[in-house]
Amino acid sequence: MKLIFALLSLIIPLTIGEFALKDCIAPVDKGGCKASIPVWKYDVFTRTCVEVYYGGCNATNNNFRSFEKCISVAGRICRPF
């Protein structure tokens, strides 16, 4: 499944603003910071947005402040796959 996402991200440059198909599988990187900020990320396995904790550094594009924003941005790009 990861291979499919990797290939599609190279073949189909599908983006909405900053969020691209390759971002669907990007983790929320806790990084070296020690904060514990609740954020939402799109999970390709459950095909929805899930709440996770972000450390405050090295944010990926798969890092949203609300469930609604996550679904409206990532859901449109990631859900069909």
N, C-alpha and C. Protein backbone atom coordinates (compact mmCIF):
# COMPACT_ATOMS: atom_id res chain seq x y z
N MET A 1 0.83 -1.19 0.00
CA MET A 1 0.00 0.00 0.00
C MET A 1 0.88 1.26 0.00
N LYS A 2 1.98 1.23 0.76
CA LYS A 2 2.88 2.39 0.78
C LYS A 2 3.47 2.63 -0.60
N LEU A 3 3.74 1.55 -1.32
CA LEU A 3 4.29 1.68 -2.66
C LEU A 3 3.31 2.38 -3.57
N ILE A 4 2.03 2.05 -3.45
CA ILE A 4 1.00 2.70 -4.26
C ILE A 4 0.99 4.20 -4.00
N PHE A 5 1.01 4.60 -2.73
CA PHE A 5 1.03 6.03 -2.39
C PHE A 5 2.28 6.70 -2.93
N ALA A 6 3.42 6.02 -2.82
CA ALA A 6 4.67 6.60 -3.32
C ALA A 6 4.61 6.81 -4.83
N LEU A 7 4.12 5.82 -5.55
CA LEU A 7 4.01 5.94 -7.00
C LEU A 7 3.02 7.01 -7.41
N LEU A 8 1.88 7.04 -6.73
CA LEU A 8 0.88 8.06 -7.07
C LEU A 8 1.39 9.46 -6.79
N SER A 9 2.17 9.62 -5.75
CA SER A 9 2.68 10.96 -5.44
C SER A 9 3.68 11.43 -6.49
N LEU A 10 4.31 10.50 -7.20
CA LEU A 10 5.23 10.87 -8.27
C LEU A 10 4.49 11.09 -9.59
N ILE A 11 3.43 10.32 -9.81
CA ILE A 11 2.71 10.37 -11.07
C ILE A 11 1.66 11.48 -11.09
N ILE A 12 0.94 11.63 -10.00
CA ILE A 12 -0.17 12.57 -9.96
C ILE A 12 0.17 13.72 -9.02
N PRO A 13 0.54 14.86 -9.55
CA PRO A 13 0.86 15.99 -8.66
C PRO A 13 -0.42 16.66 -8.16
N LEU A 14 -1.18 15.97 -7.36
CA LEU A 14 -2.47 16.43 -6.86
C LEU A 14 -2.26 17.19 -5.56
N THR A 15 -2.57 18.46 -5.56
CA THR A 15 -2.37 19.26 -4.37
C THR A 15 -3.53 20.20 -4.10
N ILE A 16 -3.70 20.54 -2.84
CA ILE A 16 -4.60 21.62 -2.43
C ILE A 16 -3.75 22.50 -1.53
N GLY A 17 -3.34 23.64 -2.05
CA GLY A 17 -2.46 24.51 -1.28
C GLY A 17 -1.14 23.81 -1.01
N GLU A 18 -0.81 23.64 0.23
CA GLU A 18 0.45 23.02 0.64
C GLU A 18 0.33 21.50 0.76
N PHE A 19 -0.87 20.96 0.88
CA PHE A 19 -1.07 19.54 1.13
C PHE A 19 -1.07 18.77 -0.19
N ALA A 20 -0.24 17.74 -0.30
CA ALA A 20 -0.13 16.92 -1.51
C ALA A 20 -0.40 15.46 -1.17
N LEU A 21 -0.59 14.65 -2.18
CA LEU A 21 -0.88 13.23 -2.01
C LEU A 21 0.16 12.54 -1.14
N LYS A 22 1.43 12.90 -1.30
CA LYS A 22 2.49 12.28 -0.49
C LYS A 22 2.32 12.56 0.99
N ASP A 23 1.63 13.65 1.34
CA ASP A 23 1.43 14.01 2.74
C ASP A 23 0.43 13.10 3.45
N CYS A 24 -0.34 12.33 2.69
CA CYS A 24 -1.33 11.43 3.29
C CYS A 24 -0.69 10.42 4.23
N ILE A 25 0.54 10.02 3.93
CA ILE A 25 1.21 9.02 4.76
C ILE A 25 2.26 9.63 5.68
N ALA A 26 2.37 10.95 5.69
CA ALA A 26 3.36 11.61 6.55
C ALA A 26 2.95 11.50 8.02
N PRO A 27 3.88 11.10 8.88
CA PRO A 27 3.56 11.04 10.31
C PRO A 27 3.58 12.44 10.91
N VAL A 28 3.02 12.58 12.09
CA VAL A 28 3.20 13.80 12.85
C VAL A 28 4.49 13.58 13.63
N ASP A 29 5.54 14.27 13.24
CA ASP A 29 6.86 14.07 13.83
C ASP A 29 6.94 14.78 15.18
N LYS A 30 7.11 14.03 16.25
CA LYS A 30 7.21 14.62 17.58
C LYS A 30 8.47 15.46 17.68
N GLY A 31 9.50 15.10 16.94
CA GLY A 31 10.73 15.89 16.93
C GLY A 31 11.44 15.88 18.27
N GLY A 32 12.38 16.79 18.44
CA GLY A 32 13.15 16.86 19.67
C GLY A 32 12.50 17.72 20.74
N CYS A 33 11.38 18.32 20.42
CA CYS A 33 10.70 19.19 21.39
C CYS A 33 9.83 18.37 22.33
N LYS A 34 9.54 18.93 23.48
CA LYS A 34 8.86 18.17 24.53
C LYS A 34 7.44 18.61 24.80
N ALA A 35 6.86 19.41 23.91
CA ALA A 35 5.46 19.80 24.09
C ALA A 35 4.58 18.59 23.83
N SER A 36 3.35 18.70 24.18
CA SER A 36 2.38 17.63 23.92
C SER A 36 1.09 18.30 23.45
N ILE A 37 1.11 18.77 22.21
CA ILE A 37 0.02 19.55 21.64
C ILE A 37 -0.92 18.61 20.89
N PRO A 38 -2.21 18.58 21.26
CA PRO A 38 -3.13 17.73 20.51
C PRO A 38 -3.38 18.31 19.11
N VAL A 39 -3.19 17.49 18.10
CA VAL A 39 -3.44 17.86 16.71
C VAL A 39 -4.14 16.69 16.02
N TRP A 40 -4.56 16.91 14.79
CA TRP A 40 -5.23 15.87 14.01
C TRP A 40 -4.38 15.56 12.79
N LYS A 41 -4.30 14.27 12.44
CA LYS A 41 -3.60 13.84 11.23
C LYS A 41 -4.48 12.86 10.47
N TYR A 42 -4.32 12.81 9.17
CA TYR A 42 -5.07 11.85 8.36
C TYR A 42 -4.38 10.50 8.46
N ASP A 43 -5.15 9.47 8.77
CA ASP A 43 -4.66 8.10 8.89
C ASP A 43 -5.17 7.30 7.69
N VAL A 44 -4.26 6.86 6.81
CA VAL A 44 -4.67 6.15 5.60
C VAL A 44 -5.27 4.78 5.89
N PHE A 45 -4.97 4.20 7.04
CA PHE A 45 -5.49 2.88 7.36
C PHE A 45 -6.95 2.93 7.82
N THR A 46 -7.30 3.96 8.61
CA THR A 46 -8.69 4.10 9.06
C THR A 46 -9.49 4.99 8.13
N ARG A 47 -8.81 5.67 7.20
CA ARG A 47 -9.42 6.58 6.23
C ARG A 47 -10.21 7.71 6.88
N THR A 48 -9.65 8.21 7.96
CA THR A 48 -10.24 9.36 8.64
C THR A 48 -9.13 10.09 9.39
N CYS A 49 -9.48 11.17 10.03
CA CYS A 49 -8.51 11.93 10.81
C CYS A 49 -8.54 11.45 12.26
N VAL A 50 -7.38 11.34 12.85
CA VAL A 50 -7.26 10.87 14.23
C VAL A 50 -6.46 11.89 15.05
N GLU A 51 -6.78 11.96 16.33
CA GLU A 51 -6.07 12.88 17.21
C GLU A 51 -4.76 12.25 17.68
N VAL A 52 -3.69 13.01 17.59
CA VAL A 52 -2.36 12.59 18.04
C VAL A 52 -1.72 13.77 18.77
N TYR A 53 -0.54 13.55 19.33
CA TYR A 53 0.15 14.62 20.05
C TYR A 53 1.43 15.02 19.33
N TYR A 54 1.61 16.31 19.17
CA TYR A 54 2.72 16.90 18.44
C TYR A 54 3.66 17.57 19.44
N GLY A 55 4.96 17.37 19.24
CA GLY A 55 5.95 17.89 20.17
C GLY A 55 6.27 19.37 20.03
N GLY A 56 5.85 19.99 18.92
CA GLY A 56 6.08 21.41 18.74
C GLY A 56 7.18 21.76 17.75
N CYS A 57 7.90 20.76 17.22
CA CYS A 57 8.97 21.00 16.24
C CYS A 57 8.77 20.09 15.03
N ASN A 58 9.32 20.50 13.90
CA ASN A 58 9.35 19.67 12.69
C ASN A 58 7.97 19.24 12.22
N ALA A 59 7.05 20.16 12.12
CA ALA A 59 5.69 19.82 11.67
C ALA A 59 5.69 19.36 10.23
N THR A 60 4.88 18.34 9.94
CA THR A 60 4.66 17.92 8.56
C THR A 60 3.36 18.57 8.10
N ASN A 61 3.03 18.41 6.83
CA ASN A 61 1.76 18.95 6.33
C ASN A 61 0.57 18.15 6.85
N ASN A 62 0.82 16.95 7.37
CA ASN A 62 -0.25 16.12 7.92
C ASN A 62 -0.39 16.43 9.41
N ASN A 63 -0.68 17.67 9.71
CA ASN A 63 -0.74 18.16 11.09
C ASN A 63 -1.75 19.31 11.10
N PHE A 64 -2.94 19.05 11.64
CA PHE A 64 -4.04 20.03 11.60
C PHE A 64 -4.52 20.37 13.00
N ARG A 65 -4.99 21.59 13.17
CA ARG A 65 -5.46 22.04 14.48
C ARG A 65 -6.85 21.52 14.84
N SER A 66 -7.62 21.08 13.85
CA SER A 66 -8.97 20.58 14.14
C SER A 66 -9.31 19.40 13.24
N PHE A 67 -10.26 18.59 13.69
CA PHE A 67 -10.76 17.47 12.90
C PHE A 67 -11.37 17.99 11.60
N GLU A 68 -12.14 19.06 11.70
CA GLU A 68 -12.83 19.62 10.54
C GLU A 68 -11.84 20.06 9.45
N LYS A 69 -10.77 20.73 9.86
CA LYS A 69 -9.77 21.19 8.90
C LYS A 69 -9.05 19.99 8.28
N CYS A 70 -8.75 18.99 9.07
CA CYS A 70 -8.10 17.78 8.58
C CYS A 70 -8.95 17.09 7.52
N ILE A 71 -10.23 16.90 7.81
CA ILE A 71 -11.13 16.24 6.86
C ILE A 71 -11.31 17.08 5.60
N SER A 72 -11.45 18.39 5.76
CA SER A 72 -11.70 19.23 4.59
C SER A 72 -10.49 19.31 3.66
N VAL A 73 -9.29 19.22 4.19
CA VAL A 73 -8.09 19.30 3.36
C VAL A 73 -7.61 17.90 2.97
N ALA A 74 -7.24 17.10 3.96
CA ALA A 74 -6.66 15.78 3.68
C ALA A 74 -7.70 14.79 3.17
N GLY A 75 -8.92 14.88 3.68
CA GLY A 75 -9.96 13.94 3.27
C GLY A 75 -10.23 13.97 1.78
N ARG A 76 -10.15 15.16 1.18
CA ARG A 76 -10.41 15.28 -0.26
C ARG A 76 -9.31 14.64 -1.10
N ILE A 77 -8.09 14.66 -0.61
CA ILE A 77 -6.97 14.11 -1.38
C ILE A 77 -6.72 12.64 -1.05
N CYS A 78 -6.76 12.29 0.21
CA CYS A 78 -6.36 10.95 0.65
C CYS A 78 -7.47 9.91 0.58
N ARG A 79 -8.69 10.27 0.81
CA ARG A 79 -9.77 9.30 0.94
C ARG A 79 -9.98 8.42 -0.29
N PRO A 80 -9.88 8.93 -1.52
CA PRO A 80 -10.11 8.06 -2.68
C PRO A 80 -9.13 6.91 -2.80
N PHE A 81 -7.98 7.01 -2.14
CA PHE A 81 -6.96 5.98 -2.26
C PHE A 81 -6.99 5.16 -1.03
